[in-house]
C-alpha atoms as a PDB file:
ATOM      1  CA  MET A   1     -20.708 -15.304 -12.371  1.00  0.00           C
ATOM      2  CA  LEU A   2     -21.176 -11.570 -11.727  1.00  0.00           C
ATOM      3  CA  PRO A   3     -19.322 -11.530  -8.341  1.00  0.00           C
ATOM      4  CA  PHE A   4     -16.256 -13.054 -10.023  1.00  0.00           C
ATOM      5  CA  LYS A   5     -16.436 -10.409 -12.701  1.00  0.00           C
ATOM      6  CA  LYS A   6     -16.467  -7.703 -10.030  1.00  0.00           C
ATOM      7  CA  ALA A   7     -13.540  -9.357  -8.258  1.00  0.00           C
ATOM      8  CA  PHE A   8     -11.600  -9.109 -11.537  1.00  0.00           C
ATOM      9  CA  GLU A   9     -12.361  -5.365 -11.710  1.00  0.00           C
ATOM     10  CA  VAL A  10      -9.110  -4.763  -9.842  1.00  0.00           C
ATOM     11  CA  MET A  11      -7.329  -6.016 -12.992  1.00  0.00           C
ATOM     12  CA  HIS A  12      -8.942  -3.779 -15.593  1.00  0.00           C
ATOM     13  CA  ASP A  13     -10.604  -0.860 -13.766  1.00  0.00           C
ATOM     14  CA  GLN A  14      -8.731  -0.164 -10.569  1.00  0.00           C
ATOM     15  CA  GLU A  15     -10.051   3.379 -10.109  1.00  0.00           C
ATOM     16  CA  ASN A  16     -13.657   2.243 -10.117  1.00  0.00           C
ATOM     17  CA  HIS A  17     -12.836  -0.708  -7.894  1.00  0.00           C
ATOM     18  CA  PHE A  18     -11.090   1.546  -5.331  1.00  0.00           C
ATOM     19  CA  ASN A  19     -13.947   4.027  -5.367  1.00  0.00           C
ATOM     20  CA  LYS A  20     -16.421   1.250  -4.527  1.00  0.00           C
ATOM     21  CA  ILE A  21     -14.263   0.230  -1.605  1.00  0.00           C
ATOM     22  CA  ASN A  22     -13.895   3.825  -0.356  1.00  0.00           C
ATOM     23  CA  GLN A  23     -17.670   4.369  -0.489  1.00  0.00           C
ATOM     24  CA  ASN A  24     -18.512   0.937   1.032  1.00  0.00           C
ATOM     25  CA  LEU A  25     -20.336  -0.144  -2.122  1.00  0.00           C
ATOM     26  CA  TYR A  26     -18.909  -3.617  -2.118  1.00  0.00           C
ATOM     27  CA  THR A  27     -20.879  -6.646  -0.883  1.00  0.00           C
ATOM     28  CA  ASN A  28     -20.072  -9.885   0.946  1.00  0.00           C
ATOM     29  CA  LYS A  29     -20.378 -11.624  -2.422  1.00  0.00           C
ATOM     30  CA  LEU A  30     -17.335  -9.679  -3.619  1.00  0.00           C
ATOM     31  CA  ILE A  31     -15.325 -10.918  -0.599  1.00  0.00           C
ATOM     32  CA  PHE A  32     -16.298 -14.533  -1.260  1.00  0.00           C
ATOM     33  CA  ALA A  33     -15.540 -14.094  -4.957  1.00  0.00           C
ATOM     34  CA  GLN A  34     -12.086 -12.719  -4.170  1.00  0.00           C
ATOM     35  CA  LEU A  35     -11.399 -15.621  -1.796  1.00  0.00           C
ATOM     36  CA  GLY A  36     -12.707 -18.041  -4.429  1.00  0.00           C
ATOM     37  CA  LEU A  37     -10.431 -16.685  -7.154  1.00  0.00           C
ATOM     38  CA  MET A  38      -7.425 -16.769  -4.805  1.00  0.00           C
ATOM     39  CA  THR A  39      -8.157 -20.383  -3.953  1.00  0.00           C
ATOM     40  CA  ILE A  40      -8.600 -21.485  -7.588  1.00  0.00           C
ATOM     41  CA  PHE A  41      -5.572 -19.635  -8.941  1.00  0.00           C
ATOM     42  CA  THR A  42      -3.260 -20.581  -6.029  1.00  0.00           C
ATOM     43  CA  PHE A  43      -4.277 -24.243  -6.152  1.00  0.00           C
ATOM     44  CA  GLY A  44      -3.930 -24.204  -9.938  1.00  0.00           C
ATOM     45  CA  TYR A  45      -0.384 -22.824  -9.803  1.00  0.00           C
ATOM     46  CA  GLY A  46       0.461 -25.296  -7.043  1.00  0.00           C
ATOM     47  CA  LEU A  47      -0.676 -28.195  -9.231  1.00  0.00           C
ATOM     48  CA  ILE A  48       1.696 -27.090 -11.994  1.00  0.00           C
ATOM     49  CA  MET A  49       4.524 -26.554  -9.512  1.00  0.00           C
ATOM     50  CA  GLY A  50       4.217 -29.897  -7.784  1.00  0.00           C
ATOM     51  CA  SER A  51       3.662 -31.819 -10.983  1.00  0.00           C
ATOM     52  CA  TYR A  52       7.422 -31.728 -11.496  1.00  0.00           C
ATOM     53  CA  ASN A  53       7.669 -34.486  -8.870  1.00  0.00           C
ATOM     54  CA  SER A  54       4.438 -36.492  -9.003  1.00  0.00           C
ATOM     55  CA  PHE A  55       0.656 -36.283  -9.012  1.00  0.00           C
ATOM     56  CA  THR A  56       0.542 -36.643  -5.250  1.00  0.00           C
ATOM     57  CA  GLN A  57       3.053 -33.857  -4.816  1.00  0.00           C
ATOM     58  CA  ALA A  58       1.036 -31.683  -7.174  1.00  0.00           C
ATOM     59  CA  MET A  59      -2.153 -32.119  -5.123  1.00  0.00           C
ATOM     60  CA  PHE A  60      -0.377 -31.362  -1.800  1.00  0.00           C
ATOM     61  CA  THR A  61       1.554 -28.436  -3.262  1.00  0.00           C
ATOM     62  CA  GLY A  62      -1.717 -26.883  -4.391  1.00  0.00           C
ATOM     63  CA  LEU A  63      -3.145 -27.262  -0.870  1.00  0.00           C
ATOM     64  CA  LYS A  64       0.007 -26.026   0.839  1.00  0.00           C
ATOM     65  CA  LEU A  65       0.402 -23.013  -1.403  1.00  0.00           C
ATOM     66  CA  TRP A  66      -3.224 -22.050  -0.595  1.00  0.00           C
ATOM     67  CA  LEU A  67      -2.550 -22.649   3.104  1.00  0.00           C
ATOM     68  CA  LEU A  68       0.667 -20.575   2.953  1.00  0.00           C
ATOM     69  CA  LEU A  69      -1.093 -17.542   1.549  1.00  0.00           C
ATOM     70  CA  ASN A  70      -4.048 -17.651   3.912  1.00  0.00           C
ATOM     71  CA  LEU A  71      -2.028 -18.402   7.055  1.00  0.00           C
ATOM     72  CA  THR A  72       0.394 -15.566   6.338  1.00  0.00           C
ATOM     73  CA  LEU A  73      -2.506 -13.181   5.882  1.00  0.00           C
ATOM     74  CA  LEU A  74      -4.141 -14.441   9.057  1.00  0.00           C
ATOM     75  CA  ILE A  75      -0.958 -13.989  11.064  1.00  0.00           C
ATOM     76  CA  CYS A  76      -0.026 -10.565   9.726  1.00  0.00           C
ATOM     77  CA  PHE A  77      -3.445  -8.835   9.341  1.00  0.00           C
ATOM     78  CA  PRO A  78      -4.263  -8.162  13.007  1.00  0.00           C
ATOM     79  CA  SER A  79      -0.998  -6.314  13.753  1.00  0.00           C
ATOM     80  CA  PHE A  80      -1.375  -4.204  10.603  1.00  0.00           C
ATOM     81  CA  TYR A  81      -4.941  -3.246  11.396  1.00  0.00           C
ATOM     82  CA  ILE A  82      -4.220  -2.356  15.054  1.00  0.00           C
ATOM     83  CA  VAL A  83      -1.249  -0.193  14.073  1.00  0.00           C
ATOM     84  CA  GLN A  84      -3.483   1.685  11.603  1.00  0.00           C
ATOM     85  CA  LEU A  85      -5.978   2.411  14.403  1.00  0.00           C
ATOM     86  CA  VAL A  86      -3.151   3.722  16.620  1.00  0.00           C
ATOM     87  CA  LEU A  87      -2.071   6.033  13.765  1.00  0.00           C
ATOM     88  CA  GLY A  88      -5.607   7.481  13.562  1.00  0.00           C
ATOM     89  CA  SER A  89      -6.889   5.551  10.584  1.00  0.00           C
ATOM     90  CA  LYS A  90     -10.705   5.535  10.198  1.00  0.00           C
ATOM     91  CA  ILE A  91     -10.729   2.812   7.655  1.00  0.00           C
ATOM     92  CA  LYS A  92     -12.930  -0.112   8.660  1.00  0.00           C
ATOM     93  CA  MET A  93     -11.598  -3.604   9.154  1.00  0.00           C
ATOM     94  CA  LYS A  94     -13.756  -4.962   6.365  1.00  0.00           C
ATOM     95  CA  GLN A  95     -12.575  -2.250   3.992  1.00  0.00           C
ATOM     96  CA  LEU A  96      -8.930  -3.001   4.722  1.00  0.00           C
ATOM     97  CA  PHE A  97      -9.533  -6.721   4.309  1.00  0.00           C
ATOM     98  CA  VAL A  98     -11.126  -6.191   0.882  1.00  0.00           C
ATOM     99  CA  ILE A  99      -8.166  -3.968  -0.130  1.00  0.00           C
ATOM    100  CA  LEU A 100      -5.662  -6.672   0.847  1.00  0.00           C
ATOM    101  CA  LEU A 101      -7.736  -9.358  -0.887  1.00  0.00           C
ATOM    102  CA  SER A 102      -7.660  -7.219  -4.059  1.00  0.00           C
ATOM    103  CA  GLY A 103      -3.876  -7.244  -3.924  1.00  0.00           C
ATOM    104  CA  PHE A 104      -3.815 -11.010  -3.518  1.00  0.00           C
ATOM    105  CA  VAL A 105      -6.220 -11.473  -6.436  1.00  0.00           C
ATOM    106  CA  MET A 106      -3.694  -9.516  -8.517  1.00  0.00           C
ATOM    107  CA  THR A 107      -0.789 -11.646  -7.140  1.00  0.00           C
ATOM    108  CA  THR A 108      -2.419 -15.021  -7.789  1.00  0.00           C
ATOM    109  CA  THR A 109      -3.683 -14.003 -11.220  1.00  0.00           C
ATOM    110  CA  ILE A 110      -0.147 -13.080 -12.327  1.00  0.00           C
ATOM    111  CA  MET A 111       1.229 -16.276 -10.781  1.00  0.00           C
ATOM    112  CA  LEU A 112      -1.212 -18.399 -12.746  1.00  0.00           C
ATOM    113  CA  ALA A 113      -0.396 -16.468 -15.906  1.00  0.00           C
ATOM    114  CA  PHE A 114       3.225 -17.719 -15.581  1.00  0.00           C
ATOM    115  CA  ALA A 115       2.069 -21.349 -15.357  1.00  0.00           C
ATOM    116  CA  PRO A 116       2.573 -22.086 -19.098  1.00  0.00           C
ATOM    117  CA  ILE A 117       6.143 -20.831 -18.873  1.00  0.00           C
ATOM    118  CA  VAL A 118       6.772 -23.098 -15.852  1.00  0.00           C
ATOM    119  CA  LEU A 119       5.343 -26.046 -17.766  1.00  0.00           C
ATOM    120  CA  PHE A 120       7.530 -25.255 -20.749  1.00  0.00           C
ATOM    121  CA  PHE A 121      10.734 -25.309 -18.681  1.00  0.00           C
ATOM    122  CA  GLN A 122       9.606 -28.432 -16.779  1.00  0.00           C
ATOM    123  CA  MET A 123       9.106 -30.281 -20.040  1.00  0.00           C
ATOM    124  CA  SER A 124      12.197 -28.977 -21.847  1.00  0.00           C
ATOM    125  CA  GLY A 125      14.847 -28.246 -19.230  1.00  0.00           C
ATOM    126  CA  ASP A 126      14.175 -30.509 -16.249  1.00  0.00           C
ATOM    127  CA  ASN A 127      16.651 -28.615 -14.055  1.00  0.00           C
ATOM    128  CA  TYR A 128      15.523 -28.722 -10.432  1.00  0.00           C
ATOM    129  CA  HIS A 129      17.654 -25.825  -9.233  1.00  0.00           C
ATOM    130  CA  PHE A 130      16.643 -23.626 -12.137  1.00  0.00           C
ATOM    131  CA  LEU A 131      12.996 -24.338 -11.437  1.00  0.00           C
ATOM    132  CA  GLN A 132      13.489 -23.402  -7.779  1.00  0.00           C
ATOM    133  CA  LEU A 133      14.814 -20.024  -8.800  1.00  0.00           C
ATOM    134  CA  LEU A 134      12.129 -19.572 -11.461  1.00  0.00           C
ATOM    135  CA  HIS A 135       9.366 -20.106  -8.898  1.00  0.00           C
ATOM    136  CA  VAL A 136      11.013 -17.685  -6.455  1.00  0.00           C
ATOM    137  CA  PHE A 137      11.200 -15.090  -9.229  1.00  0.00           C
ATOM    138  CA  ILE A 138       7.528 -15.549 -10.094  1.00  0.00           C
ATOM    139  CA  PHE A 139       6.481 -15.251  -6.422  1.00  0.00           C
ATOM    140  CA  VAL A 140       8.510 -12.026  -6.025  1.00  0.00           C
ATOM    141  CA  PHE A 141       7.363 -10.552  -9.321  1.00  0.00           C
ATOM    142  CA  SER A 142       3.661 -11.363  -8.658  1.00  0.00           C
ATOM    143  CA  GLY A 143       3.937 -10.203  -5.046  1.00  0.00           C
ATOM    144  CA  PHE A 144       5.385  -6.869  -6.139  1.00  0.00           C
ATOM    145  CA  PHE A 145       2.365  -6.088  -8.364  1.00  0.00           C
ATOM    146  CA  GLY A 146      -0.010  -7.347  -5.691  1.00  0.00           C
ATOM    147  CA  MET A 147       1.400  -5.116  -2.979  1.00  0.00           C
ATOM    148  CA  ARG A 148       1.609  -2.228  -5.432  1.00  0.00           C
ATOM    149  CA  THR A 149      -2.178  -2.658  -5.970  1.00  0.00           C
ATOM    150  CA  VAL A 150      -2.786  -2.493  -2.210  1.00  0.00           C
ATOM    151  CA  LEU A 151      -0.617   0.623  -1.917  1.00  0.00           C
ATOM    152  CA  GLU A 152      -2.578   2.318  -4.724  1.00  0.00           C
ATOM    153  CA  ALA A 153      -5.838   1.415  -2.967  1.00  0.00           C
ATOM    154  CA  LEU A 154      -4.624   2.898   0.323  1.00  0.00           C
ATOM    155  CA  LYS A 155      -3.452   6.042  -1.478  1.00  0.00           C
ATOM    156  CA  SER A 156      -6.925   6.310  -2.974  1.00  0.00           C
ATOM    157  CA  ALA A 157      -8.460   6.087   0.492  1.00  0.00           C
ATOM    158  CA  PHE A 158      -6.073   8.807   1.728  1.00  0.00           C
ATOM    159  CA  GLU A 159      -6.641  11.197  -1.156  1.00  0.00           C
ATOM    160  CA  SER A 160     -10.367  10.807  -1.818  1.00  0.00           C
ATOM    161  CA  THR A 161     -11.908  10.232   1.587  1.00  0.00           C
ATOM    162  CA  GLY A 162      -9.230  11.107   4.104  1.00  0.00           C
ATOM    163  CA  VAL A 163     -10.036   8.024   6.238  1.00  0.00           C
ATOM    164  CA  TYR A 164      -6.485   6.750   5.896  1.00  0.00           C
ATOM    165  CA  PRO A 165      -3.500   8.696   7.311  1.00  0.00           C
ATOM    166  CA  LYS A 166      -0.544   9.463   5.062  1.00  0.00           C
ATOM    167  CA  ILE A 167       1.891   7.891   7.541  1.00  0.00           C
ATOM    168  CA  GLY A 168      -0.025   4.652   7.132  1.00  0.00           C
ATOM    169  CA  LEU A 169       1.391   4.380   3.606  1.00  0.00           C
ATOM    170  CA  SER A 170       4.940   4.253   5.043  1.00  0.00           C
ATOM    171  CA  VAL A 171       3.820   1.706   7.671  1.00  0.00           C
ATOM    172  CA  PHE A 172       2.364  -0.432   4.940  1.00  0.00           C
ATOM    173  CA  ARG A 173       5.716  -0.615   3.221  1.00  0.00           C
ATOM    174  CA  ILE A 174       7.246  -1.883   6.484  1.00  0.00           C
ATOM    175  CA  TRP A 175       4.396  -4.360   6.876  1.00  0.00           C
ATOM    176  CA  VAL A 176       5.138  -5.732   3.440  1.00  0.00           C
ATOM    177  CA  LEU A 177       8.648  -6.667   4.637  1.00  0.00           C
ATOM    178  CA  ILE A 178       7.222  -8.336   7.724  1.00  0.00           C
ATOM    179  CA  PHE A 179       4.732 -10.181   5.559  1.00  0.00           C
ATOM    180  CA  ALA A 180       7.546 -11.370   3.297  1.00  0.00           C
ATOM    181  CA  PHE A 181       9.629 -12.689   6.193  1.00  0.00           C
ATOM    182  CA  VAL A 182       6.650 -14.486   7.783  1.00  0.00           C
ATOM    183  CA  SER A 183       5.743 -15.959   4.384  1.00  0.00           C
ATOM    184  CA  ILE A 184       9.319 -17.137   3.760  1.00  0.00           C
ATOM    185  CA  GLN A 185       9.598 -18.776   7.187  1.00  0.00           C
ATOM    186  CA  LEU A 186       6.178 -20.438   6.863  1.00  0.00           C
ATOM    187  CA  ALA A 187       7.065 -21.679   3.388  1.00  0.00           C
ATOM    188  CA  TRP A 188      10.268 -23.210   4.760  1.00  0.00           C
ATOM    189  CA  ASN A 189       8.234 -25.040   7.466  1.00  0.00           C
ATOM    190  CA  LEU A 190       5.745 -26.347   4.843  1.00  0.00           C
ATOM    191  CA  ARG A 191       8.285 -27.456   2.309  1.00  0.00           C
ATOM    192  CA  PRO A 192       8.689 -29.248  -0.057  1.00  0.00           C
ATOM    193  CA  PHE A 193       6.603 -27.488  -2.732  1.00  0.00           C
ATOM    194  CA  LEU A 194       8.524 -28.420  -5.876  1.00  0.00           C
ATOM    195  CA  GLY A 195       9.920 -31.735  -4.795  1.00  0.00           C
ATOM    196  CA  SER A 196      13.096 -33.194  -6.237  1.00  0.00           C
ATOM    197  CA  LYS A 197      12.641 -36.235  -8.493  1.00  0.00           C
ATOM    198  CA  GLU A 198      15.565 -37.877  -6.679  1.00  0.00           C
ATOM    199  CA  MET A 199      13.671 -37.900  -3.374  1.00  0.00           C
ATOM    200  CA  PRO A 200      10.500 -39.773  -2.411  1.00  0.00           C
ATOM    201  CA  PHE A 201       7.276 -37.925  -1.814  1.00  0.00           C
ATOM    202  CA  GLU A 202       7.087 -36.091   1.492  1.00  0.00           C
ATOM    203  CA  MET A 203       4.056 -34.195   2.806  1.00  0.00           C
ATOM    204  CA  ILE A 204       6.228 -32.125   5.154  1.00  0.00           C
ATOM    205  CA  ARG A 205       9.984 -32.406   5.191  1.00  0.00           C
ATOM    206  CA  SER A 206      11.256 -33.505   8.602  1.00  0.00           C
ATOM    207  CA  GLU A 207      14.769 -32.203   8.014  1.00  0.00           C
ATOM    208  CA  THR A 208      15.273 -28.798   9.612  1.00  0.00           C
ATOM    209  CA  ARG A 209      18.890 -27.977   8.669  1.00  0.00           C
ATOM    210  CA  GLY A 210      19.694 -24.893   6.682  1.00  0.00           C
ATOM    211  CA  ASN A 211      17.284 -22.124   5.724  1.00  0.00           C
ATOM    212  CA  PHE A 212      15.626 -20.610   2.671  1.00  0.00           C
ATOM    213  CA  TYR A 213      18.487 -18.190   1.904  1.00  0.00           C
ATOM    214  CA  SER A 214      21.220 -20.845   1.983  1.00  0.00           C
ATOM    215  CA  THR A 215      18.979 -23.035  -0.249  1.00  0.00           C
ATOM    216  CA  MET A 216      18.698 -20.299  -2.783  1.00  0.00           C
ATOM    217  CA  PHE A 217      22.469 -19.629  -2.787  1.00  0.00           C
ATOM    218  CA  ASN A 218      23.086 -23.332  -3.236  1.00  0.00           C
ATOM    219  CA  ALA A 219      20.565 -23.423  -6.101  1.00  0.00           C
ATOM    220  CA  VAL A 220      22.380 -20.541  -7.840  1.00  0.00           C
ATOM    221  CA  GLY A 221      25.714 -22.310  -7.286  1.00  0.00           C
ATOM    222  CA  SER A 222      24.362 -25.626  -8.629  1.00  0.00           C
ATOM    223  CA  MET A 223      23.210 -23.939 -11.806  1.00  0.00           C
ATOM    224  CA  PHE A 224      26.829 -22.900 -12.446  1.00  0.00           C
ATOM    225  CA  GLY A 225      28.219 -26.269 -11.482  1.00  0.00           C
ATOM    226  CA  VAL A 226      29.328 -25.368  -7.938  1.00  0.00           C
ATOM    227  CA  LYS A 227      28.244 -28.000  -5.429  1.00  0.00           C
ATOM    228  CA  PRO A 228      27.559 -27.058  -1.781  1.00  0.00           C
ATOM    229  CA  GLY A 229      30.643 -27.474   0.305  1.00  0.00           C
ATOM    230  CA  GLU A 230      32.820 -28.162  -2.751  1.00  0.00           C
ATOM    231  CA  ASN A 231      35.407 -25.488  -1.902  1.00  0.00           C
ATOM    232  CA  LYS A 232      35.616 -26.635   1.660  1.00  0.00           C
ATOM    233  CA  GLU A 233      36.235 -30.255   0.647  1.00  0.00           C
ATOM    234  CA  GLU A 234      38.994 -29.160  -1.787  1.00  0.00           C
ATOM    235  CA  LYS A 235      40.722 -27.196   0.954  1.00  0.00           C
ATOM    236  CA  GLU A 236      40.638 -30.174   3.249  1.00  0.00           C
ATOM    237  CA  GLU A 237      42.144 -32.394   0.573  1.00  0.00           C
ATOM    238  CA  GLU A 238      45.051 -29.988  -0.072  1.00  0.00           C
ATOM    239  CA  PRO A 239      48.326 -31.380   1.396  1.00  0.00           C
ATOM    240  CA  SER A 240      49.893 -29.410   4.186  1.00  0.00           C
ATOM    241  CA  ASN A 241      53.209 -27.617   3.614  1.00  0.00           C
ATOM    242  CA  ASP A 242      54.395 -28.457   7.096  1.00  0.00           C
END
């Protein structure tokens, strides 16, 4: 139970947590505890998210959400670490990995904290498009605080030990954008996560038309009663003056 308590230290005593990372006072148990918390919280939020459709969808959404987070980290971490080395960073790979995991512990904890709100709207509103936007908001909100935690950890490494170059902080901000784009594209490939009640269960949607951004614009339009392609159809139905 103690490793999980230490993994939660990033939530209530960040300064002490960052100092331990800077001085290499963390253990492998901390890494496994962070990975364990991420798995439990991500799968838990995915269960709530997918339960809008069915029990089967809930189970697969939990697995896919966990897969999404870990695959995105696996894809993006090597490039970030190599760029840091080129910039003259002396931070070790294991240190950087623990710092990133700390940010993801923060992200997944906040995500799970929103689960009761999601359940409330699922039970009272039952609006698919609203729930889509709600989940996107929660992901963005949670991700902001998670990446902010990582940035503060890197600042601590720069100020207290000098093993991390100042320019690396700017590079990290760019990396966050890359991480977001990779995550969005991967999420689009792994959809559906929420699952409309009007459609049968699908593990992975075979349809490849559209993209995440058009889906979000359509969801906003649907909330206000504007159906996709409605304006186009109306124009086609208008009689010609010729």
